[in-house]
């Protein structure tokens, strides 16, 4: 893998990794929900526990998005889009 053009602060890199984990958690919770067809046909329902867990996971994901995008480091880069692509790549490595 080519070395990054950017030197990412450790907290920003960790925030990106945390976001990926939160994103996976939201997907896991969504995948565990009954199908919308079953819910519409009243053959299944989403429990309060499922609803609350999904709401909490989405709130955590949103907090991480805000933490990522408001990080002061972004003001130091010349190309935020490219830097974002490289950050995501570095966090997955």
PDB file of N, CA and C in Angstrom:
ATOM      1  N   UNK A   1       0.846  -1.178   0.000  1.00  0.00           N
ATOM      2  CA  UNK A   1       0.000   0.000   0.000  1.00  0.00           C
ATOM      3  C   UNK A   1       0.891   1.241   0.000  1.00  0.00           C
ATOM      4  N   UNK A   2       0.535   2.209  -0.796  1.00  0.00           N
ATOM      5  CA  UNK A   2       1.295   3.461  -0.862  1.00  0.00           C
ATOM      6  C   UNK A   2       1.146   4.220   0.452  1.00  0.00           C
ATOM      7  N   UNK A   3       2.211   4.867   0.844  1.00  0.00           N
ATOM      8  CA  UNK A   3       2.186   5.656   2.074  1.00  0.00           C
ATOM      9  C   UNK A   3       1.310   6.891   1.867  1.00  0.00           C
ATOM     10  N   UNK A   4       0.646   7.305   2.920  1.00  0.00           N
ATOM     11  CA  UNK A   4      -0.255   8.452   2.855  1.00  0.00           C
ATOM     12  C   UNK A   4       0.515   9.754   2.683  1.00  0.00           C
ATOM     13  N   UNK A   5      -0.111  10.677   1.985  1.00  0.00           N
ATOM     14  CA  UNK A   5       0.424  12.025   1.816  1.00  0.00           C
ATOM     15  C   UNK A   5       0.299  12.802   3.125  1.00  0.00           C
ATOM     16  N   UNK A   6      -0.605  12.372   3.973  1.00  0.00           N
ATOM     17  CA  UNK A   6      -0.947  13.107   5.189  1.00  0.00           C
ATOM     18  C   UNK A   6      -0.484  12.368   6.448  1.00  0.00           C
ATOM     19  N   UNK A   7      -0.148  13.141   7.453  1.00  0.00           N
ATOM     20  CA  UNK A   7       0.182  12.592   8.774  1.00  0.00           C
ATOM     21  C   UNK A   7      -1.037  12.826   9.660  1.00  0.00           C
ATOM     22  N   UNK A   8      -1.751  11.763   9.955  1.00  0.00           N
ATOM     23  CA  UNK A   8      -2.995  11.887  10.710  1.00  0.00           C
ATOM     24  C   UNK A   8      -2.723  11.880  12.211  1.00  0.00           C
ATOM     25  N   UNK A   9      -3.373  12.775  12.956  1.00  0.00           N
ATOM     26  CA  UNK A   9      -3.254  12.723  14.415  1.00  0.00           C
ATOM     27  C   UNK A   9      -3.865  11.410  14.923  1.00  0.00           C
ATOM     28  N   UNK A  10      -3.296  10.876  15.972  1.00  0.00           N
ATOM     29  CA  UNK A  10      -3.750   9.589  16.506  1.00  0.00           C
ATOM     30  C   UNK A  10      -5.230   9.627  16.891  1.00  0.00           C
ATOM     31  N   UNK A  11      -5.699  10.745  17.463  1.00  0.00           N
ATOM     32  CA  UNK A  11      -7.103  10.805  17.888  1.00  0.00           C
ATOM     33  C   UNK A  11      -8.061  10.831  16.703  1.00  0.00           C
ATOM     34  N   UNK A  12      -7.639  11.425  15.597  1.00  0.00           N
ATOM     35  CA  UNK A  12      -8.474  11.451  14.403  1.00  0.00           C
ATOM     36  C   UNK A  12      -8.540  10.060  13.778  1.00  0.00           C
ATOM     37  N   UNK A  13      -7.415   9.394  13.712  1.00  0.00           N
ATOM     38  CA  UNK A  13      -7.362   8.035  13.179  1.00  0.00           C
ATOM     39  C   UNK A  13      -8.221   7.101  14.044  1.00  0.00           C
ATOM     40  N   UNK A  14      -8.146   7.250  15.354  1.00  0.00           N
ATOM     41  CA  UNK A  14      -8.961   6.429  16.250  1.00  0.00           C
ATOM     42  C   UNK A  14     -10.437   6.756  16.094  1.00  0.00           C
ATOM     43  N   UNK A  15     -10.775   8.014  15.908  1.00  0.00           N
ATOM     44  CA  UNK A  15     -12.175   8.398  15.705  1.00  0.00           C
ATOM     45  C   UNK A  15     -12.725   7.748  14.436  1.00  0.00           C
ATOM     46  N   UNK A  16     -11.908   7.663  13.402  1.00  0.00           N
ATOM     47  CA  UNK A  16     -12.353   7.013  12.163  1.00  0.00           C
ATOM     48  C   UNK A  16     -12.570   5.525  12.402  1.00  0.00           C
ATOM     49  N   UNK A  17     -11.671   4.899  13.140  1.00  0.00           N
ATOM     50  CA  UNK A  17     -11.840   3.469  13.464  1.00  0.00           C
ATOM     51  C   UNK A  17     -13.096   3.260  14.318  1.00  0.00           C
ATOM     52  N   UNK A  18     -13.302   4.149  15.263  1.00  0.00           N
ATOM     53  CA  UNK A  18     -14.495   4.063  16.107  1.00  0.00           C
ATOM     54  C   UNK A  18     -15.759   4.236  15.271  1.00  0.00           C
ATOM     55  N   UNK A  19     -15.706   5.135  14.281  1.00  0.00           N
ATOM     56  CA  UNK A  19     -16.856   5.322  13.398  1.00  0.00           C
ATOM     57  C   UNK A  19     -17.152   4.042  12.627  1.00  0.00           C
ATOM     58  N   UNK A  20     -16.111   3.403  12.085  1.00  0.00           N
ATOM     59  CA  UNK A  20     -16.327   2.152  11.353  1.00  0.00           C
ATOM     60  C   UNK A  20     -16.981   1.099  12.255  1.00  0.00           C
ATOM     61  N   UNK A  21     -16.551   1.027  13.505  1.00  0.00           N
ATOM     62  CA  UNK A  21     -17.136   0.075  14.452  1.00  0.00           C
ATOM     63  C   UNK A  21     -18.596   0.429  14.738  1.00  0.00           C
ATOM     64  N   UNK A  22     -18.887   1.699  14.906  1.00  0.00           N
ATOM     65  CA  UNK A  22     -20.259   2.139  15.157  1.00  0.00           C
ATOM     66  C   UNK A  22     -21.141   1.875  13.939  1.00  0.00           C
ATOM     67  N   UNK A  23     -20.591   2.095  12.766  1.00  0.00           N
ATOM     68  CA  UNK A  23     -21.327   1.829  11.526  1.00  0.00           C
ATOM     69  C   UNK A  23     -21.672   0.337  11.425  1.00  0.00           C
ATOM     70  N   UNK A  24     -20.720  -0.520  11.767  1.00  0.00           N
ATOM     71  CA  UNK A  24     -20.952  -1.965  11.742  1.00  0.00           C
ATOM     72  C   UNK A  24     -22.020  -2.355  12.766  1.00  0.00           C
ATOM     73  N   UNK A  25     -22.004  -1.702  13.925  1.00  0.00           N
ATOM     74  CA  UNK A  25     -22.999  -1.991  14.959  1.00  0.00           C
ATOM     75  C   UNK A  25     -24.402  -1.607  14.497  1.00  0.00           C
ATOM     76  N   UNK A  26     -24.538  -0.456  13.861  1.00  0.00           N
ATOM     77  CA  UNK A  26     -25.841  -0.043  13.331  1.00  0.00           C
ATOM     78  C   UNK A  26     -26.329  -1.058  12.299  1.00  0.00           C
ATOM     79  N   UNK A  27     -25.436  -1.483  11.411  1.00  0.00           N
ATOM     80  CA  UNK A  27     -25.821  -2.478  10.395  1.00  0.00           C
ATOM     81  C   UNK A  27     -26.252  -3.785  11.044  1.00  0.00           C
ATOM     82  N   UNK A  28     -25.499  -4.219  12.047  1.00  0.00           N
ATOM     83  CA  UNK A  28     -25.826  -5.457  12.759  1.00  0.00           C
ATOM     84  C   UNK A  28     -27.224  -5.369  13.386  1.00  0.00           C
ATOM     85  N   UNK A  29     -27.518  -4.253  14.009  1.00  0.00           N
ATOM     86  CA  UNK A  29     -28.831  -4.071  14.637  1.00  0.00           C
ATOM     87  C   UNK A  29     -29.943  -4.014  13.592  1.00  0.00           C
ATOM     88  N   UNK A  30     -29.696  -3.338  12.484  1.00  0.00           N
ATOM     89  CA  UNK A  30     -30.702  -3.257  11.415  1.00  0.00           C
ATOM     90  C   UNK A  30     -30.959  -4.636  10.803  1.00  0.00           C
ATOM     91  N   UNK A  31     -29.877  -5.391  10.609  1.00  0.00           N
ATOM     92  CA  UNK A  31     -30.020  -6.727  10.031  1.00  0.00           C
ATOM     93  C   UNK A  31     -30.819  -7.666  10.932  1.00  0.00           C
ATOM     94  N   UNK A  32     -30.807  -7.401  12.240  1.00  0.00           N
ATOM     95  CA  UNK A  32     -31.526  -8.250  13.196  1.00  0.00           C
ATOM     96  C   UNK A  32     -33.013  -7.898  13.300  1.00  0.00           C
ATOM     97  N   UNK A  33     -33.417  -6.788  12.705  1.00  0.00           N
ATOM     98  CA  UNK A  33     -34.829  -6.386  12.756  1.00  0.00           C
ATOM     99  C   UNK A  33     -35.662  -7.271  11.841  1.00  0.00           C
ATOM    100  N   UNK A  34     -36.931  -7.453  12.177  1.00  0.00           N
ATOM    101  CA  UNK A  34     -37.802  -8.189  11.258  1.00  0.00           C
ATOM    102  C   UNK A  34     -37.984  -7.391   9.968  1.00  0.00           C
ATOM    103  N   UNK A  35     -38.338  -8.083   8.911  1.00  0.00           N
ATOM    104  CA  UNK A  35     -38.508  -7.394   7.632  1.00  0.00           C
ATOM    105  C   UNK A  35     -39.661  -6.404   7.704  1.00  0.00           C
ATOM    106  N   UNK A  36     -39.551  -5.342   6.920  1.00  0.00           N
ATOM    107  CA  UNK A  36     -40.608  -4.336   6.903  1.00  0.00           C
ATOM    108  C   UNK A  36     -41.914  -4.925   6.379  1.00  0.00           C
ATOM    109  N   UNK A  37     -41.826  -5.906   5.518  1.00  0.00           N
ATOM    110  CA  UNK A  37     -43.030  -6.558   4.995  1.00  0.00           C
ATOM    111  C   UNK A  37     -43.748  -7.299   6.123  1.00  0.00           C
ATOM    112  N   UNK A  38     -42.951  -8.029   6.936  1.00  0.00           N
ATOM    113  CA  UNK A  38     -43.560  -8.735   8.071  1.00  0.00           C
ATOM    114  C   UNK A  38     -44.177  -7.764   9.069  1.00  0.00           C
ATOM    115  N   UNK A  39     -43.516  -6.645   9.285  1.00  0.00           N
ATOM    116  CA  UNK A  39     -44.050  -5.637  10.199  1.00  0.00           C
ATOM    117  C   UNK A  39     -45.338  -5.052   9.621  1.00  0.00           C
ATOM    118  N   UNK A  40     -45.331  -4.715   8.336  1.00  0.00           N
ATOM    119  CA  UNK A  40     -46.516  -4.137   7.697  1.00  0.00           C
ATOM    120  C   UNK A  40     -47.679  -5.119   7.692  1.00  0.00           C
ATOM    121  N   UNK A  41     -47.376  -6.401   7.549  1.00  0.00           N
ATOM    122  CA  UNK A  41     -48.423  -7.432   7.551  1.00  0.00           C
ATOM    123  C   UNK A  41     -48.821  -7.855   8.968  1.00  0.00           C
ATOM    124  N   UNK A  42     -48.220  -7.181   9.959  1.00  0.00           N
ATOM    125  CA  UNK A  42     -48.478  -7.456  11.372  1.00  0.00           C
ATOM    126  C   UNK A  42     -48.134  -8.895  11.750  1.00  0.00           C
ATOM    127  N   UNK A  43     -47.114  -9.420  11.085  1.00  0.00           N
ATOM    128  CA  UNK A  43     -46.626 -10.769  11.380  1.00  0.00           C
ATOM    129  C   UNK A  43     -45.416 -10.715  12.308  1.00  0.00           C
ATOM    130  N   UNK A  44     -44.891  -9.524  12.505  1.00  0.00           N
ATOM    131  CA  UNK A  44     -43.737  -9.327  13.383  1.00  0.00           C
ATOM    132  C   UNK A  44     -43.769  -7.884  13.856  1.00  0.00           C
ATOM    133  N   UNK A  45     -43.006  -7.628  14.904  1.00  0.00           N
ATOM    134  CA  UNK A  45     -42.909  -6.247  15.375  1.00  0.00           C
ATOM    135  C   UNK A  45     -41.501  -5.984  15.894  1.00  0.00           C
ATOM    136  N   UNK A  46     -41.154  -4.733  15.876  1.00  0.00           N
ATOM    137  CA  UNK A  46     -39.869  -4.293  16.409  1.00  0.00           C
ATOM    138  C   UNK A  46     -40.079  -4.030  17.892  1.00  0.00           C
ATOM    139  N   UNK A  47     -39.253  -4.649  18.715  1.00  0.00           N
ATOM    140  CA  UNK A  47     -39.415  -4.494  20.165  1.00  0.00           C
ATOM    141  C   UNK A  47     -38.875  -3.145  20.620  1.00  0.00           C
ATOM    142  N   UNK A  48     -39.319  -2.735  21.793  1.00  0.00           N
ATOM    143  CA  UNK A  48     -38.796  -1.493  22.381  1.00  0.00           C
ATOM    144  C   UNK A  48     -37.289  -1.605  22.589  1.00  0.00           C
ATOM    145  N   UNK A  49     -36.835  -2.786  22.995  1.00  0.00           N
ATOM    146  CA  UNK A  49     -35.399  -3.005  23.201  1.00  0.00           C
ATOM    147  C   UNK A  49     -34.621  -2.813  21.897  1.00  0.00           C
ATOM    148  N   UNK A  50     -35.132  -3.352  20.802  1.00  0.00           N
ATOM    149  CA  UNK A  50     -34.477  -3.181  19.497  1.00  0.00           C
ATOM    150  C   UNK A  50     -34.467  -1.707  19.088  1.00  0.00           C
ATOM    151  N   UNK A  51     -35.601  -1.054  19.285  1.00  0.00           N
ATOM    152  CA  UNK A  51     -35.724   0.361  18.927  1.00  0.00           C
ATOM    153  C   UNK A  51     -34.726   1.212  19.709  1.00  0.00           C
ATOM    154  N   UNK A  52     -34.642   0.958  21.011  1.00  0.00           N
ATOM    155  CA  UNK A  52     -33.736   1.721  21.871  1.00  0.00           C
ATOM    156  C   UNK A  52     -32.271   1.451  21.535  1.00  0.00           C
ATOM    157  N   UNK A  53     -31.929   0.196  21.270  1.00  0.00           N
ATOM    158  CA  UNK A  53     -30.545  -0.147  20.922  1.00  0.00           C
ATOM    159  C   UNK A  53     -30.148   0.519  19.614  1.00  0.00           C
ATOM    160  N   UNK A  54     -31.046   0.507  18.641  1.00  0.00           N
ATOM    161  CA  UNK A  54     -30.752   1.133  17.350  1.00  0.00           C
ATOM    162  C   UNK A  54     -30.634   2.644  17.499  1.00  0.00           C
ATOM    163  N   UNK A  55     -31.496   3.236  18.286  1.00  0.00           N
ATOM    164  CA  UNK A  55     -31.432   4.680  18.517  1.00  0.00           C
ATOM    165  C   UNK A  55     -30.108   5.062  19.181  1.00  0.00           C
ATOM    166  N   UNK A  56     -29.685   4.295  20.165  1.00  0.00           N
ATOM    167  CA  UNK A  56     -28.419   4.572  20.854  1.00  0.00           C
ATOM    168  C   UNK A  56     -27.232   4.400  19.908  1.00  0.00           C
ATOM    169  N   UNK A  57     -27.263   3.358  19.092  1.00  0.00           N
ATOM    170  CA  UNK A  57     -26.164   3.115  18.153  1.00  0.00           C
ATOM    171  C   UNK A  57     -26.092   4.218  17.099  1.00  0.00           C
ATOM    172  N   UNK A  58     -27.232   4.662  16.632  1.00  0.00           N
ATOM    173  CA  UNK A  58     -27.239   5.756  15.647  1.00  0.00           C
ATOM    174  C   UNK A  58     -26.776   7.061  16.273  1.00  0.00           C
ATOM    175  N   UNK A  59     -27.121   7.299  17.526  1.00  0.00           N
ATOM    176  CA  UNK A  59     -26.662   8.510  18.221  1.00  0.00           C
ATOM    177  C   UNK A  59     -25.147   8.485  18.378  1.00  0.00           C
ATOM    178  N   UNK A  60     -24.606   7.327  18.727  1.00  0.00           N
ATOM    179  CA  UNK A  60     -23.149   7.197  18.846  1.00  0.00           C
ATOM    180  C   UNK A  60     -22.481   7.443  17.492  1.00  0.00           C
ATOM    181  N   UNK A  61     -23.067   6.895  16.452  1.00  0.00           N
ATOM    182  CA  UNK A  61     -22.522   7.088  15.108  1.00  0.00           C
ATOM    183  C   UNK A  61     -22.533   8.571  14.731  1.00  0.00           C
ATOM    184  N   UNK A  62     -23.610   9.261  15.032  1.00  0.00           N
ATOM    185  CA  UNK A  62     -23.695  10.689  14.732  1.00  0.00           C
ATOM    186  C   UNK A  62     -22.660  11.479  15.526  1.00  0.00           C
ATOM    187  N   UNK A  63     -22.484  11.139  16.799  1.00  0.00           N
ATOM    188  CA  UNK A  63     -21.469  11.814  17.613  1.00  0.00           C
ATOM    189  C   UNK A  63     -20.080  11.650  16.995  1.00  0.00           C
ATOM    190  N   UNK A  64     -19.803  10.464  16.491  1.00  0.00           N
ATOM    191  CA  UNK A  64     -18.493  10.222  15.877  1.00  0.00           C
ATOM    192  C   UNK A  64     -18.336  10.977  14.562  1.00  0.00           C
ATOM    193  N   UNK A  65     -19.409  11.096  13.804  1.00  0.00           N
ATOM    194  CA  UNK A  65     -19.357  11.896  12.573  1.00  0.00           C
ATOM    195  C   UNK A  65     -19.005  13.338  12.912  1.00  0.00           C
ATOM    196  N   UNK A  66     -19.656  13.862  13.936  1.00  0.00           N
ATOM    197  CA  UNK A  66     -19.377  15.240  14.340  1.00  0.00           C
ATOM    198  C   UNK A  66     -17.937  15.382  14.833  1.00  0.00           C
ATOM    199  N   UNK A  67     -17.478  14.416  15.618  1.00  0.00           N
ATOM    200  CA  UNK A  67     -16.102  14.444  16.111  1.00  0.00           C
ATOM    201  C   UNK A  67     -15.109  14.414  14.955  1.00  0.00           C
ATOM    202  N   UNK A  68     -15.386  13.573  13.974  1.00  0.00           N
ATOM    203  CA  UNK A  68     -14.505  13.473  12.805  1.00  0.00           C
ATOM    204  C   UNK A  68     -14.471  14.775  12.013  1.00  0.00           C
ATOM    205  N   UNK A  69     -15.631  15.270  11.663  1.00  0.00           N
ATOM    206  CA  UNK A  69     -15.700  16.414  10.752  1.00  0.00           C
ATOM    207  C   UNK A  69     -15.387  17.752  11.405  1.00  0.00           C
ATOM    208  N   UNK A  70     -15.424  17.805  12.715  1.00  0.00           N
ATOM    209  CA  UNK A  70     -15.095  19.051  13.408  1.00  0.00           C
ATOM    210  C   UNK A  70     -13.669  19.079  13.942  1.00  0.00           C
ATOM    211  N   UNK A  71     -12.910  18.054  13.642  1.00  0.00           N
ATOM    212  CA  UNK A  71     -11.540  17.990  14.156  1.00  0.00           C
ATOM    213  C   UNK A  71     -10.721  19.139  13.571  1.00  0.00           C
ATOM    214  N   UNK A  72      -9.943  19.762  14.408  1.00  0.00           N
ATOM    215  CA  UNK A  72      -9.151  20.937  13.997  1.00  0.00           C
ATOM    216  C   UNK A  72      -8.125  20.614  12.908  1.00  0.00           C
ATOM    217  N   UNK A  73      -7.724  19.364  12.803  1.00  0.00           N
ATOM    218  CA  UNK A  73      -6.719  18.975  11.813  1.00  0.00           C
ATOM    219  C   UNK A  73      -7.148  19.307  10.380  1.00  0.00           C
ATOM    220  N   UNK A  74      -8.452  19.231  10.099  1.00  0.00           N
ATOM    221  CA  UNK A  74      -8.936  19.463   8.737  1.00  0.00           C
ATOM    222  C   UNK A  74      -8.569  20.851   8.216  1.00  0.00           C
ATOM    223  N   UNK A  75      -8.410  21.810   9.090  1.00  0.00           N
ATOM    224  CA  UNK A  75      -8.063  23.172   8.650  1.00  0.00           C
ATOM    225  C   UNK A  75      -6.614  23.263   8.157  1.00  0.00           C
ATOM    226  N   UNK A  76      -5.849  22.200   8.356  1.00  0.00           N
ATOM    227  CA  UNK A  76      -4.440  22.223   7.951  1.00  0.00           C
ATOM    228  C   UNK A  76      -4.190  21.553   6.607  1.00  0.00           C
ATOM    229  N   UNK A  77      -5.225  20.959   6.006  1.00  0.00           N
ATOM    230  CA  UNK A  77      -5.018  20.198   4.766  1.00  0.00           C
ATOM    231  C   UNK A  77      -5.405  21.011   3.546  1.00  0.00           C
ATOM    232  N   UNK A  78      -4.755  20.705   2.439  1.00  0.00           N
ATOM    233  CA  UNK A  78      -5.009  21.412   1.187  1.00  0.00           C
ATOM    234  C   UNK A  78      -6.187  20.813   0.414  1.00  0.00           C
ATOM    235  N   UNK A  79      -6.450  19.525   0.592  1.00  0.00           N
ATOM    236  CA  UNK A  79      -7.504  18.853  -0.155  1.00  0.00           C
ATOM    237  C   UNK A  79      -8.259  17.936   0.814  1.00  0.00           C
ATOM    238  N   UNK A  80      -9.331  18.444   1.367  1.00  0.00           N
ATOM    239  CA  UNK A  80     -10.067  17.705   2.401  1.00  0.00           C
ATOM    240  C   UNK A  80     -10.632  16.396   1.864  1.00  0.00           C
ATOM    241  N   UNK A  81     -11.074  16.385   0.639  1.00  0.00           N
ATOM    242  CA  UNK A  81     -11.632  15.161   0.059  1.00  0.00           C
ATOM    243  C   UNK A  81     -10.564  14.068  -0.015  1.00  0.00           C
ATOM    244  N   UNK A  82      -9.425  14.390  -0.577  1.00  0.00           N
ATOM    245  CA  UNK A  82      -8.335  13.420  -0.680  1.00  0.00           C
ATOM    246  C   UNK A  82      -7.865  12.984   0.706  1.00  0.00           C
ATOM    247  N   UNK A  83      -7.754  13.929   1.615  1.00  0.00           N
ATOM    248  CA  UNK A  83      -7.337  13.606   2.975  1.00  0.00           C
ATOM    249  C   UNK A  83      -8.339  12.657   3.632  1.00  0.00           C
ATOM    250  N   UNK A  84      -9.628  12.870   3.397  1.00  0.00           N
ATOM    251  CA  UNK A  84     -10.654  11.991   3.946  1.00  0.00           C
ATOM    252  C   UNK A  84     -10.557  10.583   3.394  1.00  0.00           C
ATOM    253  N   UNK A  85     -10.315  10.487   2.083  1.00  0.00           N
ATOM    254  CA  UNK A  85     -10.146   9.168   1.466  1.00  0.00           C
ATOM    255  C   UNK A  85      -8.954   8.440   2.082  1.00  0.00           C
ATOM    256  N   UNK A  86      -7.864   9.155   2.247  1.00  0.00           N
ATOM    257  CA  UNK A  86      -6.666   8.547   2.810  1.00  0.00           C
ATOM    258  C   UNK A  86      -6.843   8.201   4.287  1.00  0.00           C
ATOM    259  N   UNK A  87      -7.597   9.026   5.008  1.00  0.00           N
ATOM    260  CA  UNK A  87      -7.878   8.715   6.416  1.00  0.00           C
ATOM    261  C   UNK A  87      -8.649   7.414   6.527  1.00  0.00           C
ATOM    262  N   UNK A  88      -9.676   7.263   5.719  1.00  0.00           N
ATOM    263  CA  UNK A  88     -10.472   6.033   5.757  1.00  0.00           C
ATOM    264  C   UNK A  88      -9.615   4.820   5.386  1.00  0.00           C
ATOM    265  N   UNK A  89      -8.770   4.974   4.394  1.00  0.00           N
ATOM    266  CA  UNK A  89      -7.874   3.888   3.998  1.00  0.00           C
ATOM    267  C   UNK A  89      -6.901   3.534   5.124  1.00  0.00           C
ATOM    268  N   UNK A  90      -6.335   4.544   5.752  1.00  0.00           N
ATOM    269  CA  UNK A  90      -5.375   4.319   6.838  1.00  0.00           C
ATOM    270  C   UNK A  90      -6.061   3.655   8.041  1.00  0.00           C
ATOM    271  N   UNK A  91      -7.296   4.053   8.313  1.00  0.00           N
ATOM    272  CA  UNK A  91      -8.015   3.481   9.453  1.00  0.00           C
ATOM    273  C   UNK A  91      -8.373   2.026   9.222  1.00  0.00           C
ATOM    274  N   UNK A  92      -8.538   1.635   7.973  1.00  0.00           N
ATOM    275  CA  UNK A  92      -8.877   0.239   7.650  1.00  0.00           C
ATOM    276  C   UNK A  92      -7.636  -0.644   7.627  1.00  0.00           C
ATOM    277  N   UNK A  93      -6.473  -0.036   7.490  1.00  0.00           N
ATOM    278  CA  UNK A  93      -5.217  -0.818   7.380  1.00  0.00           C
ATOM    279  C   UNK A  93      -4.845  -1.452   8.691  1.00  0.00           C
TER     280      UNK A  93
END
